[in-house]
Protein backbone atom coordinates (compact mmCIF):
# COMPACT_ATOMS: atom_id res chain seq x y z
CA MET A 1 114.03 135.47 110.26
CA GLN A 2 114.86 131.83 109.73
CA THR A 3 116.28 131.18 106.25
CA TYR A 4 117.35 127.94 104.39
CA SER A 5 119.98 127.09 101.93
CA LYS A 6 117.58 124.78 99.95
CA ILE A 7 114.25 123.07 100.02
CA ILE A 8 113.96 119.38 99.62
CA VAL A 9 110.48 117.90 98.96
CA THR A 10 109.83 114.09 98.80
CA GLY A 11 106.61 112.82 97.32
CA ALA A 12 106.56 115.91 95.12
CA ASP A 13 104.48 114.36 92.28
CA GLY A 14 101.77 113.30 94.79
CA TRP A 15 98.56 115.22 95.47
CA LEU A 16 99.85 117.28 98.26
CA GLY A 17 103.43 117.62 96.89
CA THR A 18 102.30 119.28 93.66
CA GLY A 19 100.24 121.83 95.68
CA LEU A 20 103.07 122.56 97.99
CA LEU A 21 105.51 123.00 95.06
CA ASN A 22 103.24 125.52 93.43
CA GLU A 23 103.12 127.50 96.67
CA LEU A 24 106.95 127.23 97.13
CA LEU A 25 107.59 128.57 93.74
CA LYS A 26 105.75 131.82 94.71
CA MET A 27 107.77 132.07 97.87
CA VAL A 28 111.21 131.64 96.38
CA ASP A 29 110.72 134.74 94.47
CA ASN A 30 109.49 136.70 97.20
CA PRO A 31 112.19 138.76 99.09
CA ASP A 32 110.07 138.69 102.41
CA SER A 33 109.92 134.94 102.50
CA ILE A 34 112.13 132.50 104.38
CA PHE A 35 112.40 130.54 101.24
CA TYR A 36 113.68 133.49 99.12
CA ASN A 37 116.13 132.41 96.44
CA CYS A 38 116.15 128.78 97.62
CA GLU A 39 116.64 126.01 95.06
CA ILE A 40 113.96 123.30 95.39
CA LEU A 41 115.03 119.65 95.16
CA ALA A 42 111.93 117.61 94.17
CA LEU A 43 111.92 113.77 94.62
CA LEU A 44 109.51 112.19 92.14
CA GLN A 45 108.31 108.64 92.04
CA SER A 46 108.17 108.54 88.24
CA GLU A 47 110.11 110.16 85.46
CA LYS A 48 106.87 110.67 83.51
CA ASN A 49 105.81 113.39 86.08
CA SER A 50 108.95 115.48 85.58
CA LYS A 51 107.32 117.61 82.68
CA ILE A 52 104.88 119.22 85.11
CA PHE A 53 107.74 120.58 87.20
CA ASN A 54 109.72 122.27 84.34
CA HIS A 55 110.79 125.41 86.25
CA PRO A 56 114.28 126.81 86.68
CA SER A 57 114.07 126.83 90.52
CA ILE A 58 113.24 123.11 90.67
CA SER A 59 115.86 120.34 90.44
CA ILE A 60 114.29 116.96 89.70
CA HIS A 61 115.30 113.70 91.31
CA VAL A 62 113.60 110.42 90.46
CA GLY A 63 113.89 107.68 92.96
CA ASP A 64 112.66 105.65 95.87
CA LEU A 65 113.46 106.41 99.63
CA ARG A 66 114.01 102.63 100.10
CA ASP A 67 117.12 102.98 97.84
CA GLU A 68 120.19 104.41 99.81
CA ILE A 69 121.53 105.93 96.58
CA THR A 70 118.36 108.11 96.33
CA ILE A 71 118.76 109.41 99.93
CA THR A 72 122.48 110.06 99.27
CA ASN A 73 121.84 112.01 96.12
CA LEU A 74 118.88 113.96 97.50
CA LEU A 75 120.88 115.04 100.62
CA LYS A 76 124.13 116.16 98.93
CA GLU A 77 125.18 119.62 100.26
CA SER A 78 122.04 119.87 102.30
CA GLU A 79 123.54 121.54 105.33
CA ASP A 80 121.00 124.29 106.65
CA SER A 81 118.34 123.00 104.31
CA ILE A 82 114.73 122.12 105.10
CA VAL A 83 113.10 118.79 104.21
CA PHE A 84 109.28 118.50 103.61
CA ASN A 85 108.82 114.76 103.79
CA LEU A 86 105.55 113.97 101.97
CA ALA A 87 106.64 110.63 100.63
CA GLY A 88 104.55 107.58 101.95
CA VAL A 89 102.30 104.81 100.75
CA ILE A 90 98.50 105.16 101.50
CA HIS A 91 96.78 102.62 99.15
CA PRO A 92 99.22 99.95 97.97
CA ASN A 93 98.52 97.28 95.38
CA PHE A 94 96.67 94.15 96.12
CA PHE A 95 99.73 92.25 97.39
CA GLY A 96 101.44 95.31 98.82
CA VAL A 97 100.67 95.48 102.61
CA LYS A 98 104.41 94.99 103.53
CA ILE A 99 105.31 98.22 101.69
CA PHE A 100 103.51 100.30 104.48
CA ASN A 101 106.26 99.41 106.95
CA GLU A 102 109.06 99.41 104.25
CA VAL A 103 108.33 103.04 103.19
CA ASN A 104 106.36 104.76 105.85
CA HIS A 105 108.56 103.61 108.71
CA ILE A 106 111.82 102.07 107.73
CA ALA A 107 112.75 104.19 104.71
CA ILE A 108 111.69 107.45 106.19
CA SER A 109 113.43 106.78 109.50
CA ARG A 110 116.69 106.09 107.48
CA PHE A 111 116.08 109.25 105.59
CA ALA A 112 115.76 111.17 108.67
CA ASN A 113 118.90 109.85 110.38
CA GLU A 114 120.89 110.76 107.22
CA ALA A 115 119.36 114.25 107.11
CA VAL A 116 120.57 114.80 110.75
CA LYS A 117 124.13 113.67 109.72
CA ARG A 118 124.12 116.05 106.84
CA GLY A 119 123.21 119.07 108.83
CA VAL A 120 119.67 119.58 107.75
CA ARG A 121 118.19 122.41 109.73
CA LYS A 122 114.43 121.45 109.65
CA PHE A 123 112.71 118.12 108.93
CA ILE A 124 108.75 118.26 108.59
CA ALA A 125 107.19 114.83 108.23
CA MET A 126 103.60 114.43 107.06
CA SER A 127 101.64 111.91 109.09
CA SER A 128 97.90 111.12 109.35
CA ASN A 129 94.92 110.60 111.51
CA SER A 130 95.43 106.80 111.31
CA PRO A 131 97.91 106.49 114.20
CA CYS A 132 95.18 107.61 116.53
CA GLY A 133 92.50 105.42 114.83
CA TYR A 134 88.81 106.08 115.12
CA SER A 135 85.93 106.22 117.65
CA LYS A 136 82.26 105.16 117.58
CA ASP A 137 81.51 108.16 119.91
CA THR A 138 80.59 111.25 117.67
CA SER A 139 81.76 113.45 120.46
CA VAL A 140 85.48 112.34 120.45
CA VAL A 141 87.99 114.78 119.21
CA PHE A 142 91.43 113.86 118.84
CA ASN A 143 94.29 116.23 119.83
CA GLU A 144 98.05 115.87 120.19
CA ASP A 145 97.71 114.16 123.53
CA SER A 146 95.48 111.36 122.31
CA PRO A 147 96.92 107.96 122.81
CA TYR A 148 98.10 105.93 119.80
CA SER A 149 95.56 103.38 118.49
CA PRO A 150 96.59 102.71 114.94
CA TYR A 151 94.18 101.57 112.40
CA MET A 152 95.39 98.69 110.24
CA GLY A 153 98.72 98.49 108.52
CA TYR A 154 98.93 102.05 107.34
CA GLY A 155 98.13 103.49 110.82
CA HIS A 156 100.61 101.16 112.44
CA SER A 157 103.45 102.06 110.00
CA LYS A 158 102.70 105.80 110.48
CA MET A 159 102.81 105.37 114.31
CA LEU A 160 106.14 103.61 114.04
CA MET A 161 107.41 106.58 111.84
CA GLU A 162 106.31 109.14 114.42
CA LYS A 163 107.90 107.26 117.40
CA SER A 164 111.18 106.96 115.34
CA LEU A 165 111.20 110.58 114.41
CA LEU A 166 110.48 111.69 117.99
CA LYS A 167 113.25 109.51 119.29
CA ILE A 168 115.69 110.90 116.56
CA SER A 169 114.58 114.43 117.46
CA SER A 170 115.42 113.87 121.27
CA SER A 171 119.20 114.00 120.57
CA SER A 172 119.37 115.96 117.42
CA LYS A 173 120.18 119.53 116.20
CA THR A 174 117.96 119.07 113.34
CA ASN A 175 114.48 120.44 114.44
CA PHE A 176 111.63 117.82 113.67
CA THR A 177 107.98 118.69 113.30
CA ILE A 178 105.18 116.09 112.57
CA ILE A 179 102.09 117.24 110.90
CA ARG A 180 98.96 115.06 111.17
CA SER A 181 96.14 115.56 108.66
CA PRO A 182 92.78 113.93 108.28
CA TRP A 183 91.04 113.19 104.99
CA PHE A 184 92.24 115.99 102.57
CA TYR A 185 90.71 117.20 99.30
CA GLY A 186 91.30 119.89 96.73
CA PRO A 187 93.07 120.48 93.35
CA PHE A 188 95.47 117.88 91.97
CA GLN A 189 93.31 115.17 93.44
CA PRO A 190 93.72 111.53 92.44
CA GLU A 191 91.10 109.51 90.59
CA ARG A 192 89.67 108.04 93.72
CA GLN A 193 88.49 111.49 94.88
CA THR A 194 86.97 112.12 91.47
CA GLU A 195 85.14 108.86 91.68
CA PHE A 196 83.89 110.00 95.13
CA PHE A 197 82.13 112.94 93.29
CA SER A 198 80.79 110.78 90.60
CA MET A 199 79.30 108.32 93.07
CA ILE A 200 77.55 111.08 94.86
CA LYS A 201 76.25 112.55 91.47
CA ASN A 202 74.91 109.26 90.47
CA GLY A 203 73.26 108.40 93.73
CA ASN A 204 75.66 105.56 94.43
CA PHE A 205 77.56 106.75 97.36
CA PRO A 206 76.36 104.98 100.60
CA LEU A 207 75.77 106.65 103.96
CA ILE A 208 76.46 104.09 106.66
CA GLY A 209 74.54 104.27 109.86
CA GLY A 210 72.71 107.29 108.84
CA GLY A 211 75.85 109.21 107.84
CA ASN A 212 76.03 110.68 111.38
CA GLY A 213 79.68 109.86 111.88
CA MET A 214 81.84 112.92 112.24
CA ARG A 215 84.86 113.46 109.96
CA SER A 216 87.59 116.04 110.13
CA MET A 217 88.78 117.11 106.63
CA ALA A 218 91.44 119.43 105.38
CA TYR A 219 91.34 121.33 102.15
CA ILE A 220 94.80 121.05 100.53
CA ASP A 221 95.67 124.82 100.89
CA ASN A 222 94.96 124.66 104.68
CA ILE A 223 97.62 121.77 104.89
CA ILE A 224 100.10 123.76 102.79
CA GLN A 225 99.57 126.69 105.17
CA GLY A 226 100.28 124.44 108.10
CA LEU A 227 103.49 123.06 106.46
CA VAL A 228 104.80 126.41 105.53
CA LEU A 229 104.20 127.83 109.16
CA SER A 230 105.95 124.87 110.60
CA ALA A 231 109.00 125.87 108.75
CA GLU A 232 109.32 128.79 111.01
CA TYR A 233 108.71 126.90 114.18
CA PHE A 234 111.80 126.14 116.36
CA SER A 235 110.50 126.58 119.98
CA LYS A 236 110.49 122.80 120.58
CA ASN A 237 111.95 119.86 118.90
CA GLY A 238 109.72 116.87 118.02
CA GLU A 239 106.52 118.74 118.05
CA ILE A 240 103.28 117.25 116.62
CA PHE A 241 100.55 119.42 115.12
CA TRP A 242 97.10 118.51 113.88
CA ILE A 243 96.14 120.47 110.72
CA SER A 244 92.63 120.45 109.54
CA ASP A 245 89.65 122.55 108.55
CA LYS A 246 88.17 124.62 111.47
CA LYS A 247 85.53 122.03 112.38
CA PRO A 248 84.55 118.38 111.70
CA TYR A 249 81.54 117.54 109.44
CA ALA A 250 78.97 114.80 109.56
CA MET A 251 79.36 112.39 106.58
CA LYS A 252 75.84 113.23 105.51
CA ASP A 253 76.71 116.85 105.39
CA ILE A 254 79.70 116.25 103.29
CA VAL A 255 77.60 114.28 100.74
CA LEU A 256 74.91 116.93 100.73
CA THR A 257 77.41 119.80 100.19
CA VAL A 258 78.96 117.94 97.25
CA LYS A 259 75.41 117.25 95.77
CA LYS A 260 74.30 120.83 96.18
CA LEU A 261 77.34 122.32 94.51
CA LEU A 262 77.28 119.85 91.52
CA LYS A 263 73.65 120.66 90.91
CA ASN A 264 73.12 124.29 91.73
CA GLU A 265 76.56 125.74 90.77
CA PHE A 266 77.89 123.49 88.12
CA GLY A 267 74.82 122.23 86.39
CA PHE A 268 75.13 118.62 86.60
CA LYS A 269 72.24 116.29 86.67
CA VAL A 270 72.28 114.91 90.16
CA SER A 271 70.38 111.70 91.19
CA PRO A 272 67.97 112.38 93.99
CA ARG A 273 68.57 108.83 95.36
CA GLN A 274 70.54 108.33 98.40
CA ILE A 275 71.67 104.89 99.62
CA TYR A 276 71.46 104.20 103.41
CA LEU A 277 73.15 101.14 104.71
CA PRO A 278 73.19 99.81 108.32
CA SER A 279 76.32 100.35 110.41
CA THR A 280 77.01 96.71 110.34
CA VAL A 281 78.17 96.84 106.73
CA SER A 282 81.26 98.83 107.85
CA ASP A 283 81.70 96.56 110.75
CA VAL A 284 81.76 93.44 108.28
CA ALA A 285 84.11 95.44 106.03
CA ARG A 286 86.44 96.17 108.90
CA PHE A 287 86.59 92.58 109.84
CA SER A 288 87.29 91.67 106.16
CA ASP A 289 90.01 94.33 105.87
CA TYR A 290 91.70 92.97 109.09
CA ILE A 291 91.65 89.33 107.71
CA SER A 292 92.90 90.59 104.27
CA GLN A 293 95.85 92.67 105.62
CA SER A 294 96.70 89.70 107.95
CA LEU A 295 97.24 87.66 104.94
CA GLY A 296 99.30 90.42 103.32
CA LEU A 297 96.49 91.64 100.96
CA TYR A 298 95.16 95.12 100.55
CA ILE A 299 91.61 95.79 99.05
CA GLN A 300 91.21 99.60 98.85
CA LYS A 301 87.44 99.72 98.61
CA VAL A 302 86.95 97.45 101.50
CA HIS A 303 89.37 99.37 103.51
CA VAL A 304 87.57 102.79 102.81
CA LEU A 305 84.22 101.29 103.55
CA SER A 306 85.46 99.96 106.91
CA GLU A 307 85.98 103.48 108.11
CA MET A 308 82.49 104.92 106.91
CA ASN A 309 80.67 104.34 110.15
CA GLN A 310 83.32 105.86 112.45
CA THR A 311 84.05 109.21 113.82
CA ILE A 312 87.58 110.66 112.94
CA SER A 313 87.81 114.11 114.31
CA CYS A 314 90.59 116.28 115.40
CA SER A 315 91.32 119.70 116.74
CA SER A 316 93.84 122.11 115.27
CA GLU A 317 93.78 124.28 118.33
CA LYS A 318 97.38 123.76 119.24
CA ALA A 319 98.50 124.79 115.66
CA GLU A 320 96.30 127.80 115.90
CA MET A 321 97.98 128.83 119.15
CA LEU A 322 101.62 128.00 118.40
CA LEU A 323 101.83 128.44 114.54
CA ASP A 324 99.29 131.15 114.13
CA TYR A 325 97.50 128.64 111.85
CA ILE A 326 94.13 130.03 110.58
CA PRO A 327 92.10 127.51 108.36
CA LYS A 328 90.84 129.83 105.70
CA ILE A 329 88.93 127.32 103.51
CA ASP A 330 85.76 125.60 104.70
CA LEU A 331 84.08 122.46 103.34
CA GLU A 332 81.71 124.26 100.77
CA GLU A 333 84.43 126.52 99.35
CA GLY A 334 86.98 123.69 99.27
CA MET A 335 84.55 121.42 97.37
CA ARG A 336 83.67 124.09 95.03
CA ARG A 337 87.36 124.69 94.20
CA SER A 338 87.77 120.76 93.96
CA ILE A 339 84.94 120.36 91.35
CA SER A 340 86.01 123.33 89.41
CA TRP A 341 89.49 121.91 89.14
CA CYS A 342 88.06 118.64 87.92
CA ILE A 343 86.04 120.29 85.29
CA LYS A 344 89.08 122.52 84.08
CA ASN A 345 91.25 119.40 83.95
CA LYS A 346 88.63 117.27 81.99
CA ARG A 347 88.06 114.78 84.90
CA LYS A 348 84.91 113.04 84.39
CA ILE A 349 82.53 113.43 87.20
């Protein structure tokens, strides 16, 4: 059984990082786990988040991967360790388009090169659906052989990251795996996901083009399962895996599922209204997003709206075959757990 000297998690105070750390804490106490007795080094973006990781198995580092000192400190005595690189920028501030490339591509590539020099055994990098873009054809399903067609600045930066890591892996003893995930959901969600629930509850969430666009999604525990299984994969260096729920969902079915759960299981007063907008609304938003990002500006709601009439579907068949990945949580159960988490954590829906 492959074992590691320590575990290094970047982006540990993010949505996915928090969930992964909680899972790893169970595994470091399990004698049958590849992570048994491992120390966990968690890179946080902010000192204010350190209190939620108060555990003897976790060593906290606060820093930025753009800073070489952060990378140096994080990789001290890291021979035979494993890196889960979850750090990345998805939605920057209004003037922050250039940060996509600075963090998602340049900083992570530098981090990966240094990890190789320090003798890191395994480097798992979190990517996205964005390097493959989208399709207007609802029957299109991305797999690992789909060509790059990056969507906007974020997708371009993730594509460059992937290409850089694959190049590094081609001449490296460190084993690299890239995980691509579509839109994910679940506990520890940021406010924007809670706002998604609120808009649906209040009848303010628009379905574009009838809501027929297909979207793959990934419940957070499904992604974590994929990450952990990747830690045991050494058959090939530079492998890419899509990790998602078992099947894609139509946008109208995602909205309907949330409405049903909010009303029938959690007792919310849900508006019967459903806003339908023509597909051209997203087309206009996409053009606006392109112009804005060309000027170095980022408007999150415009960017999100620009994707709402598109199909972004993927297949996790390769992960199922090579990693024994089995997506255990479907949309209804995942959204049920998400809403329950919001209520327990006093998030206003």
